[in-house]
Amino acid sequence: MREALNQWDYVIAAYVVGIGALIAVTIWAWQSMRRAERRRDEVKRR
């Protein structure tokens, strides 16, 4: 057990949260784009 708080633990945690959020938003945007393209193609076929 450490007595002093180490700021690097918080820095690493912030990077993990930030990178995780970036990956999640990227996947969400990609899926939304694919859905929009699919809807556009369906409308063009009509």
PDB file of N, CA and C in Angstrom:
ATOM      1  N   MET A   1       0.842  -1.184   0.000  1.00  0.00           N
ATOM      2  CA  MET A   1       0.000   0.000   0.000  1.00  0.00           C
ATOM      3  C   MET A   1       0.882   1.240   0.000  1.00  0.00           C
ATOM      4  N   ARG A   2       0.526   2.172  -0.848  1.00  0.00           N
ATOM      5  CA  ARG A   2       1.299   3.413  -0.932  1.00  0.00           C
ATOM      6  C   ARG A   2       0.664   4.480  -0.050  1.00  0.00           C
ATOM      7  N   GLU A   3       1.485   5.319   0.507  1.00  0.00           N
ATOM      8  CA  GLU A   3       0.972   6.404   1.339  1.00  0.00           C
ATOM      9  C   GLU A   3       0.690   7.652   0.514  1.00  0.00           C
ATOM     10  N   ALA A   4       1.550   7.954  -0.449  1.00  0.00           N
ATOM     11  CA  ALA A   4       1.370   9.156  -1.244  1.00  0.00           C
ATOM     12  C   ALA A   4       0.563   8.837  -2.502  1.00  0.00           C
ATOM     13  N   LEU A   5      -0.261   9.786  -2.904  1.00  0.00           N
ATOM     14  CA  LEU A   5      -1.011   9.615  -4.140  1.00  0.00           C
ATOM     15  C   LEU A   5      -0.089   9.900  -5.315  1.00  0.00           C
ATOM     16  N   ASN A   6      -0.210   9.095  -6.325  1.00  0.00           N
ATOM     17  CA  ASN A   6       0.612   9.261  -7.511  1.00  0.00           C
ATOM     18  C   ASN A   6      -0.266   9.823  -8.619  1.00  0.00           C
ATOM     19  N   GLN A   7       0.097  10.984  -9.163  1.00  0.00           N
ATOM     20  CA  GLN A   7      -0.734  11.612 -10.188  1.00  0.00           C
ATOM     21  C   GLN A   7      -0.757  10.819 -11.479  1.00  0.00           C
ATOM     22  N   TRP A   8       0.227   9.978 -11.706  1.00  0.00           N
ATOM     23  CA  TRP A   8       0.253   9.207 -12.951  1.00  0.00           C
ATOM     24  C   TRP A   8      -0.892   8.213 -13.029  1.00  0.00           C
ATOM     25  N   ASP A   9      -1.386   7.749 -11.882  1.00  0.00           N
ATOM     26  CA  ASP A   9      -2.558   6.866 -11.908  1.00  0.00           C
ATOM     27  C   ASP A   9      -3.758   7.581 -12.527  1.00  0.00           C
ATOM     28  N   TYR A  10      -3.939   8.839 -12.176  1.00  0.00           N
ATOM     29  CA  TYR A  10      -5.046   9.619 -12.722  1.00  0.00           C
ATOM     30  C   TYR A  10      -4.827   9.963 -14.188  1.00  0.00           C
ATOM     31  N   VAL A  11      -3.600  10.238 -14.544  1.00  0.00           N
ATOM     32  CA  VAL A  11      -3.284  10.544 -15.942  1.00  0.00           C
ATOM     33  C   VAL A  11      -3.573   9.325 -16.814  1.00  0.00           C
ATOM     34  N   ILE A  12      -3.134   8.172 -16.388  1.00  0.00           N
ATOM     35  CA  ILE A  12      -3.370   6.938 -17.146  1.00  0.00           C
ATOM     36  C   ILE A  12      -4.867   6.642 -17.227  1.00  0.00           C
ATOM     37  N   ALA A  13      -5.580   6.827 -16.118  1.00  0.00           N
ATOM     38  CA  ALA A  13      -7.023   6.595 -16.120  1.00  0.00           C
ATOM     39  C   ALA A  13      -7.723   7.556 -17.077  1.00  0.00           C
ATOM     40  N   ALA A  14      -7.289   8.804 -17.114  1.00  0.00           N
ATOM     41  CA  ALA A  14      -7.895   9.779 -18.020  1.00  0.00           C
ATOM     42  C   ALA A  14      -7.651   9.393 -19.470  1.00  0.00           C
ATOM     43  N   TYR A  15      -6.452   8.925 -19.785  1.00  0.00           N
ATOM     44  CA  TYR A  15      -6.176   8.479 -21.151  1.00  0.00           C
ATOM     45  C   TYR A  15      -7.029   7.263 -21.515  1.00  0.00           C
ATOM     46  N   VAL A  16      -7.176   6.336 -20.606  1.00  0.00           N
ATOM     47  CA  VAL A  16      -7.989   5.146 -20.877  1.00  0.00           C
ATOM     48  C   VAL A  16      -9.436   5.542 -21.141  1.00  0.00           C
ATOM     49  N   VAL A  17      -9.977   6.433 -20.317  1.00  0.00           N
ATOM     50  CA  VAL A  17     -11.364   6.881 -20.504  1.00  0.00           C
ATOM     51  C   VAL A  17     -11.488   7.647 -21.822  1.00  0.00           C
ATOM     52  N   GLY A  18     -10.543   8.523 -22.097  1.00  0.00           N
ATOM     53  CA  GLY A  18     -10.592   9.322 -23.321  1.00  0.00           C
ATOM     54  C   GLY A  18     -10.493   8.482 -24.576  1.00  0.00           C
ATOM     55  N   ILE A  19      -9.570   7.545 -24.591  1.00  0.00           N
ATOM     56  CA  ILE A  19      -9.406   6.679 -25.757  1.00  0.00           C
ATOM     57  C   ILE A  19     -10.618   5.766 -25.920  1.00  0.00           C
ATOM     58  N   GLY A  20     -11.132   5.259 -24.798  1.00  0.00           N
ATOM     59  CA  GLY A  20     -12.333   4.430 -24.867  1.00  0.00           C
ATOM     60  C   GLY A  20     -13.526   5.192 -25.421  1.00  0.00           C
ATOM     61  N   ALA A  21     -13.695   6.438 -24.980  1.00  0.00           N
ATOM     62  CA  ALA A  21     -14.791   7.262 -25.489  1.00  0.00           C
ATOM     63  C   ALA A  21     -14.599   7.563 -26.973  1.00  0.00           C
ATOM     64  N   LEU A  22     -13.371   7.821 -27.382  1.00  0.00           N
ATOM     65  CA  LEU A  22     -13.089   8.085 -28.794  1.00  0.00           C
ATOM     66  C   LEU A  22     -13.436   6.879 -29.655  1.00  0.00           C
ATOM     67  N   ILE A  23     -13.077   5.702 -29.202  1.00  0.00           N
ATOM     68  CA  ILE A  23     -13.394   4.479 -29.943  1.00  0.00           C
ATOM     69  C   ILE A  23     -14.912   4.273 -30.013  1.00  0.00           C
ATOM     70  N   ALA A  24     -15.602   4.507 -28.896  1.00  0.00           N
ATOM     71  CA  ALA A  24     -17.050   4.322 -28.869  1.00  0.00           C
ATOM     72  C   ALA A  24     -17.749   5.295 -29.817  1.00  0.00           C
ATOM     73  N   VAL A  25     -17.343   6.555 -29.824  1.00  0.00           N
ATOM     74  CA  VAL A  25     -17.964   7.549 -30.698  1.00  0.00           C
ATOM     75  C   VAL A  25     -17.660   7.236 -32.162  1.00  0.00           C
ATOM     76  N   THR A  26     -16.457   6.766 -32.437  1.00  0.00           N
ATOM     77  CA  THR A  26     -16.092   6.411 -33.806  1.00  0.00           C
ATOM     78  C   THR A  26     -16.962   5.258 -34.312  1.00  0.00           C
ATOM     79  N   ILE A  27     -17.133   4.242 -33.506  1.00  0.00           N
ATOM     80  CA  ILE A  27     -17.973   3.096 -33.898  1.00  0.00           C
ATOM     81  C   ILE A  27     -19.418   3.544 -34.084  1.00  0.00           C
ATOM     82  N   TRP A  28     -19.922   4.369 -33.174  1.00  0.00           N
ATOM     83  CA  TRP A  28     -21.294   4.866 -33.276  1.00  0.00           C
ATOM     84  C   TRP A  28     -21.480   5.679 -34.558  1.00  0.00           C
ATOM     85  N   ALA A  29     -20.541   6.558 -34.871  1.00  0.00           N
ATOM     86  CA  ALA A  29     -20.647   7.388 -36.080  1.00  0.00           C
ATOM     87  C   ALA A  29     -20.576   6.529 -37.331  1.00  0.00           C
ATOM     88  N   TRP A  30     -19.706   5.530 -37.342  1.00  0.00           N
ATOM     89  CA  TRP A  30     -19.574   4.651 -38.504  1.00  0.00           C
ATOM     90  C   TRP A  30     -20.870   3.887 -38.746  1.00  0.00           C
ATOM     91  N   GLN A  31     -21.461   3.362 -37.665  1.00  0.00           N
ATOM     92  CA  GLN A  31     -22.717   2.625 -37.812  1.00  0.00           C
ATOM     93  C   GLN A  31     -23.844   3.547 -38.278  1.00  0.00           C
ATOM     94  N   SER A  32     -23.882   4.766 -37.757  1.00  0.00           N
ATOM     95  CA  SER A  32     -24.908   5.722 -38.191  1.00  0.00           C
ATOM     96  C   SER A  32     -24.740   6.057 -39.665  1.00  0.00           C
ATOM     97  N   MET A  33     -23.508   6.222 -40.112  1.00  0.00           N
ATOM     98  CA  MET A  33     -23.245   6.513 -41.511  1.00  0.00           C
ATOM     99  C   MET A  33     -23.701   5.356 -42.391  1.00  0.00           C
ATOM    100  N   ARG A  34     -23.401   4.139 -41.982  1.00  0.00           N
ATOM    101  CA  ARG A  34     -23.816   2.975 -42.766  1.00  0.00           C
ATOM    102  C   ARG A  34     -25.339   2.890 -42.866  1.00  0.00           C
ATOM    103  N   ARG A  35     -26.044   3.154 -41.743  1.00  0.00           N
ATOM    104  CA  ARG A  35     -27.516   3.138 -41.771  1.00  0.00           C
ATOM    105  C   ARG A  35     -28.054   4.207 -42.710  1.00  0.00           C
ATOM    106  N   ALA A  36     -27.470   5.404 -42.654  1.00  0.00           N
ATOM    107  CA  ALA A  36     -27.926   6.492 -43.518  1.00  0.00           C
ATOM    108  C   ALA A  36     -27.684   6.158 -44.985  1.00  0.00           C
ATOM    109  N   GLU A  37     -26.550   5.563 -45.302  1.00  0.00           N
ATOM    110  CA  GLU A  37     -26.269   5.175 -46.685  1.00  0.00           C
ATOM    111  C   GLU A  37     -27.248   4.103 -47.152  1.00  0.00           C
ATOM    112  N   ARG A  38     -27.564   3.175 -46.286  1.00  0.00           N
ATOM    113  CA  ARG A  38     -28.514   2.114 -46.642  1.00  0.00           C
ATOM    114  C   ARG A  38     -29.896   2.701 -46.913  1.00  0.00           C
ATOM    115  N   ARG A  39     -30.340   3.653 -46.054  1.00  0.00           N
ATOM    116  CA  ARG A  39     -31.638   4.303 -46.280  1.00  0.00           C
ATOM    117  C   ARG A  39     -31.628   5.102 -47.572  1.00  0.00           C
ATOM    118  N   ARG A  40     -30.538   5.788 -47.867  1.00  0.00           N
ATOM    119  CA  ARG A  40     -30.432   6.565 -49.107  1.00  0.00           C
ATOM    120  C   ARG A  40     -30.531   5.649 -50.314  1.00  0.00           C
ATOM    121  N   ASP A  41     -29.846   4.521 -50.271  1.00  0.00           N
ATOM    122  CA  ASP A  41     -29.896   3.584 -51.394  1.00  0.00           C
ATOM    123  C   ASP A  41     -31.300   3.016 -51.593  1.00  0.00           C
ATOM    124  N   GLU A  42     -32.008   2.760 -50.491  1.00  0.00           N
ATOM    125  CA  GLU A  42     -33.382   2.257 -50.606  1.00  0.00           C
ATOM    126  C   GLU A  42     -34.290   3.289 -51.257  1.00  0.00           C
ATOM    127  N   VAL A  43     -34.104   4.563 -50.913  1.00  0.00           N
ATOM    128  CA  VAL A  43     -34.931   5.620 -51.493  1.00  0.00           C
ATOM    129  C   VAL A  43     -34.605   5.785 -52.977  1.00  0.00           C
ATOM    130  N   LYS A  44     -33.348   5.655 -53.348  1.00  0.00           N
ATOM    131  CA  LYS A  44     -32.959   5.795 -54.759  1.00  0.00           C
ATOM    132  C   LYS A  44     -33.550   4.685 -55.609  1.00  0.00           C
ATOM    133  N   ARG A  45     -33.696   3.495 -55.055  1.00  0.00           N
ATOM    134  CA  ARG A  45     -34.226   2.357 -55.814  1.00  0.00           C
ATOM    135  C   ARG A  45     -35.712   2.513 -56.122  1.00  0.00           C
ATOM    136  N   ARG A  46     -36.429   3.264 -55.326  1.00  0.00           N
ATOM    137  CA  ARG A  46     -37.884   3.399 -55.498  1.00  0.00           C
ATOM    138  C   ARG A  46     -38.237   4.215 -56.692  1.00  0.00           C
TER     139      ARG A  46
END
